[in-house]
Amino acid sequence: MSETITETALATAVTNPDIEHINEMLKDLSPETIAAVVAFIAYQADRERRHKIFVEETLAAAERVERGEYLTFNTADDLVDAIVNFADDDDD
């Protein structure tokens, strides 16, 4: 994801009149409240980022299954080992 939250907000501000309204309301808030708002927005942006990744990975997995590219395991332990080792494989 090369686009930053600021770039996304600026692009959205052009098409969303609510952004201007939010900017006007922010002028009346205390620094503490603004910090809370920033933390909340960062939290929401992270949730959206994670959801987007989840959706992309789920759709990719579904496509692999449709193509017959799926894995089978003899035991649950083999499955757990594959999951644990998958994270290690990504580090390479």
C-alpha atoms as a PDB file:
ATOM      1  CA  MET A   1       0.000   0.000   0.000  1.00  0.00           C
ATOM      2  CA  SER A   2       2.003   2.941  -1.267  1.00  0.00           C
ATOM      3  CA  GLU A   3      -0.667   5.554  -0.634  1.00  0.00           C
ATOM      4  CA  THR A   4      -0.470   7.164   2.794  1.00  0.00           C
ATOM      5  CA  ILE A   5      -3.425   7.976   5.013  1.00  0.00           C
ATOM      6  CA  THR A   6      -2.834  11.681   4.366  1.00  0.00           C
ATOM      7  CA  GLU A   7      -2.923  11.189   0.595  1.00  0.00           C
ATOM      8  CA  THR A   8      -6.114   9.157   0.921  1.00  0.00           C
ATOM      9  CA  ALA A   9      -7.703  11.816   3.137  1.00  0.00           C
ATOM     10  CA  LEU A  10      -6.747  14.573   0.722  1.00  0.00           C
ATOM     11  CA  ALA A  11      -8.126  12.660  -2.250  1.00  0.00           C
ATOM     12  CA  THR A  12     -11.317  11.928  -0.322  1.00  0.00           C
ATOM     13  CA  ALA A  13     -11.665  15.571   0.748  1.00  0.00           C
ATOM     14  CA  VAL A  14     -12.084  16.558  -2.872  1.00  0.00           C
ATOM     15  CA  THR A  15     -15.106  14.296  -3.276  1.00  0.00           C
ATOM     16  CA  ASN A  16     -16.507  14.227   0.286  1.00  0.00           C
ATOM     17  CA  PRO A  17     -18.110  17.354   1.768  1.00  0.00           C
ATOM     18  CA  ASP A  18     -18.016  15.775   5.237  1.00  0.00           C
ATOM     19  CA  ILE A  19     -14.242  16.299   5.359  1.00  0.00           C
ATOM     20  CA  GLU A  20     -14.633  20.079   5.254  1.00  0.00           C
ATOM     21  CA  HIS A  21     -17.242  19.870   7.993  1.00  0.00           C
ATOM     22  CA  ILE A  22     -14.891  17.766  10.136  1.00  0.00           C
ATOM     23  CA  ASN A  23     -12.076  20.259   9.582  1.00  0.00           C
ATOM     24  CA  GLU A  24     -14.330  23.079  10.812  1.00  0.00           C
ATOM     25  CA  MET A  25     -15.293  21.109  13.939  1.00  0.00           C
ATOM     26  CA  LEU A  26     -11.654  20.272  14.726  1.00  0.00           C
ATOM     27  CA  LYS A  27     -10.872  23.961  15.185  1.00  0.00           C
ATOM     28  CA  ASP A  28     -13.064  24.003  18.317  1.00  0.00           C
ATOM     29  CA  LEU A  29     -11.532  20.954  19.993  1.00  0.00           C
ATOM     30  CA  SER A  30      -8.911  20.869  22.717  1.00  0.00           C
ATOM     31  CA  PRO A  31      -5.461  19.418  21.973  1.00  0.00           C
ATOM     32  CA  GLU A  32      -6.321  16.371  24.100  1.00  0.00           C
ATOM     33  CA  THR A  33      -9.509  15.722  22.153  1.00  0.00           C
ATOM     34  CA  ILE A  34      -7.690  16.181  18.855  1.00  0.00           C
ATOM     35  CA  ALA A  35      -5.118  13.606  19.998  1.00  0.00           C
ATOM     36  CA  ALA A  36      -7.964  11.192  20.751  1.00  0.00           C
ATOM     37  CA  VAL A  37      -9.485  11.844  17.326  1.00  0.00           C
ATOM     38  CA  VAL A  38      -6.136  11.208  15.642  1.00  0.00           C
ATOM     39  CA  ALA A  39      -5.730   7.939  17.561  1.00  0.00           C
ATOM     40  CA  PHE A  40      -9.242   6.857  16.578  1.00  0.00           C
ATOM     41  CA  ILE A  41      -8.686   7.682  12.915  1.00  0.00           C
ATOM     42  CA  ALA A  42      -5.382   5.788  12.942  1.00  0.00           C
ATOM     43  CA  TYR A  43      -7.169   2.809  14.512  1.00  0.00           C
ATOM     44  CA  GLN A  44      -9.920   2.908  11.874  1.00  0.00           C
ATOM     45  CA  ALA A  45      -7.389   3.254   9.037  1.00  0.00           C
ATOM     46  CA  ASP A  46      -5.458   0.242  10.360  1.00  0.00           C
ATOM     47  CA  ARG A  47      -8.678  -1.794  10.579  1.00  0.00           C
ATOM     48  CA  GLU A  48      -9.526  -0.920   6.976  1.00  0.00           C
ATOM     49  CA  ARG A  49      -5.998  -1.777   5.839  1.00  0.00           C
ATOM     50  CA  ARG A  50      -6.142  -5.150   7.609  1.00  0.00           C
ATOM     51  CA  HIS A  51      -9.605  -5.861   6.212  1.00  0.00           C
ATOM     52  CA  LYS A  52      -8.438  -5.090   2.691  1.00  0.00           C
ATOM     53  CA  ILE A  53      -5.515  -7.507   3.097  1.00  0.00           C
ATOM     54  CA  PHE A  54      -7.852 -10.161   4.531  1.00  0.00           C
ATOM     55  CA  VAL A  55     -10.267  -9.819   1.603  1.00  0.00           C
ATOM     56  CA  GLU A  56      -7.449  -9.959  -0.963  1.00  0.00           C
ATOM     57  CA  GLU A  57      -5.908 -13.054   0.652  1.00  0.00           C
ATOM     58  CA  THR A  58      -9.292 -14.766   0.980  1.00  0.00           C
ATOM     59  CA  LEU A  59     -10.159 -14.127  -2.666  1.00  0.00           C
ATOM     60  CA  ALA A  60      -6.723 -15.344  -3.760  1.00  0.00           C
ATOM     61  CA  ALA A  61      -7.165 -18.530  -1.711  1.00  0.00           C
ATOM     62  CA  ALA A  62     -10.611 -19.094  -3.214  1.00  0.00           C
ATOM     63  CA  GLU A  63      -9.161 -18.734  -6.707  1.00  0.00           C
ATOM     64  CA  ARG A  64      -6.448 -21.280  -5.883  1.00  0.00           C
ATOM     65  CA  VAL A  65      -9.083 -23.743  -4.659  1.00  0.00           C
ATOM     66  CA  GLU A  66     -11.132 -23.220  -7.829  1.00  0.00           C
ATOM     67  CA  ARG A  67      -8.030 -24.069  -9.863  1.00  0.00           C
ATOM     68  CA  GLY A  68      -7.507 -27.192  -7.758  1.00  0.00           C
ATOM     69  CA  GLU A  69      -4.429 -25.754  -6.057  1.00  0.00           C
ATOM     70  CA  TYR A  70      -5.042 -26.749  -2.480  1.00  0.00           C
ATOM     71  CA  LEU A  71      -3.076 -28.595   0.131  1.00  0.00           C
ATOM     72  CA  THR A  72      -3.993 -31.726   2.060  1.00  0.00           C
ATOM     73  CA  PHE A  73      -2.580 -32.785   5.396  1.00  0.00           C
ATOM     74  CA  ASN A  74      -2.481 -36.173   7.068  1.00  0.00           C
ATOM     75  CA  THR A  75      -2.860 -34.821  10.596  1.00  0.00           C
ATOM     76  CA  ALA A  76      -3.824 -31.626  12.367  1.00  0.00           C
ATOM     77  CA  ASP A  77      -0.233 -31.396  13.611  1.00  0.00           C
ATOM     78  CA  ASP A  78       0.984 -31.343   9.995  1.00  0.00           C
ATOM     79  CA  LEU A  79      -1.426 -28.505   9.277  1.00  0.00           C
ATOM     80  CA  VAL A  80      -0.267 -26.488  12.307  1.00  0.00           C
ATOM     81  CA  ASP A  81       3.382 -27.079  11.360  1.00  0.00           C
ATOM     82  CA  ALA A  82       2.666 -25.836   7.820  1.00  0.00           C
ATOM     83  CA  ILE A  83       1.007 -22.687   9.161  1.00  0.00           C
ATOM     84  CA  VAL A  84       3.878 -21.952  11.543  1.00  0.00           C
ATOM     85  CA  ASN A  85       6.475 -22.613   8.862  1.00  0.00           C
ATOM     86  CA  PHE A  86       4.575 -20.495   6.308  1.00  0.00           C
ATOM     87  CA  ALA A  87       5.275 -17.361   8.356  1.00  0.00           C
ATOM     88  CA  ASP A  88       8.930 -18.333   8.489  1.00  0.00           C
ATOM     89  CA  ASP A  89       8.992 -18.899   4.702  1.00  0.00           C
ATOM     90  CA  ASP A  90       7.798 -15.310   4.080  1.00  0.00           C
ATOM     91  CA  ASP A  91      10.901 -13.952   5.815  1.00  0.00           C
ATOM     92  CA  ASP A  92      13.176 -15.293   3.062  1.00  0.00           C
END
